[in-house]
Amino acid sequence: MSDLPPDLPRLRTLRTWHAMWVERLDEAIATAEQQEVERARGRARRPPPPD
């Protein structure tokens, strides 16, 4: 037995709502990945500590 509504309009509404959230999550993941790349690049370009 499913916890989902049986009618098509509500199922489509739920599908749209979830697709919007997946898009938001994908954007947040892409932003976090880009920030990590930039942090790694910054660490690699950091000059060595003075003697």
C-alpha atoms as a PDB file:
ATOM      1  CA  MET A   1       0.000   0.000   0.000  1.00  0.00           C
ATOM      2  CA  SER A   2       1.301   3.445  -0.940  1.00  0.00           C
ATOM      3  CA  ASP A   3       1.315   6.606   1.160  1.00  0.00           C
ATOM      4  CA  LEU A   4       0.891   8.631  -2.028  1.00  0.00           C
ATOM      5  CA  PRO A   5      -2.412  10.141  -3.083  1.00  0.00           C
ATOM      6  CA  PRO A   6      -4.262   8.096  -5.687  1.00  0.00           C
ATOM      7  CA  ASP A   7      -5.339  10.953  -7.984  1.00  0.00           C
ATOM      8  CA  LEU A   8      -3.309  12.278 -10.879  1.00  0.00           C
ATOM      9  CA  PRO A   9      -3.496  16.032 -10.100  1.00  0.00           C
ATOM     10  CA  ARG A  10      -2.045  15.618  -6.619  1.00  0.00           C
ATOM     11  CA  LEU A  11       0.593  13.193  -7.865  1.00  0.00           C
ATOM     12  CA  ARG A  12       1.678  15.718 -10.504  1.00  0.00           C
ATOM     13  CA  THR A  13       1.763  18.478  -7.892  1.00  0.00           C
ATOM     14  CA  LEU A  14       3.987  16.354  -5.666  1.00  0.00           C
ATOM     15  CA  ARG A  15       6.223  15.503  -8.615  1.00  0.00           C
ATOM     16  CA  THR A  16       6.626  19.197  -9.501  1.00  0.00           C
ATOM     17  CA  TRP A  17       7.326  20.137  -5.885  1.00  0.00           C
ATOM     18  CA  HIS A  18       9.967  17.435  -5.525  1.00  0.00           C
ATOM     19  CA  ALA A  19      11.566  18.318  -8.860  1.00  0.00           C
ATOM     20  CA  MET A  20      11.922  21.921  -7.647  1.00  0.00           C
ATOM     21  CA  TRP A  21      13.639  20.706  -4.480  1.00  0.00           C
ATOM     22  CA  VAL A  22      15.984  18.438  -6.450  1.00  0.00           C
ATOM     23  CA  GLU A  23      16.943  21.434  -8.595  1.00  0.00           C
ATOM     24  CA  ARG A  24      17.640  23.520  -5.483  1.00  0.00           C
ATOM     25  CA  LEU A  25      19.727  20.694  -4.033  1.00  0.00           C
ATOM     26  CA  ASP A  26      21.695  20.339  -7.275  1.00  0.00           C
ATOM     27  CA  GLU A  27      22.441  24.077  -7.240  1.00  0.00           C
ATOM     28  CA  ALA A  28      23.555  23.936  -3.596  1.00  0.00           C
ATOM     29  CA  ILE A  29      25.791  20.937  -4.343  1.00  0.00           C
ATOM     30  CA  ALA A  30      27.334  22.701  -7.343  1.00  0.00           C
ATOM     31  CA  THR A  31      28.011  25.802  -5.218  1.00  0.00           C
ATOM     32  CA  ALA A  32      29.607  23.739  -2.438  1.00  0.00           C
ATOM     33  CA  GLU A  33      31.741  21.832  -4.947  1.00  0.00           C
ATOM     34  CA  GLN A  34      32.912  25.081  -6.563  1.00  0.00           C
ATOM     35  CA  GLN A  35      33.805  26.525  -3.159  1.00  0.00           C
ATOM     36  CA  GLU A  36      35.802  23.395  -2.343  1.00  0.00           C
ATOM     37  CA  VAL A  37      37.688  23.664  -5.648  1.00  0.00           C
ATOM     38  CA  GLU A  38      38.483  27.315  -4.891  1.00  0.00           C
ATOM     39  CA  ARG A  39      39.659  26.471  -1.353  1.00  0.00           C
ATOM     40  CA  ALA A  40      41.898  23.696  -2.670  1.00  0.00           C
ATOM     41  CA  ARG A  41      43.286  26.018  -5.337  1.00  0.00           C
ATOM     42  CA  GLY A  42      43.986  28.639  -2.668  1.00  0.00           C
ATOM     43  CA  ARG A  43      45.805  26.099  -0.476  1.00  0.00           C
ATOM     44  CA  ALA A  44      47.896  24.945  -3.434  1.00  0.00           C
ATOM     45  CA  ARG A  45      48.888  28.509  -4.335  1.00  0.00           C
ATOM     46  CA  ARG A  46      49.668  29.569  -0.778  1.00  0.00           C
ATOM     47  CA  PRO A  47      53.330  30.494  -0.390  1.00  0.00           C
ATOM     48  CA  PRO A  48      55.387  28.388   2.015  1.00  0.00           C
ATOM     49  CA  PRO A  49      55.691  29.673   5.560  1.00  0.00           C
ATOM     50  CA  PRO A  50      58.765  31.812   6.259  1.00  0.00           C
ATOM     51  CA  ASP A  51      61.779  30.139   7.813  1.00  0.00           C
END
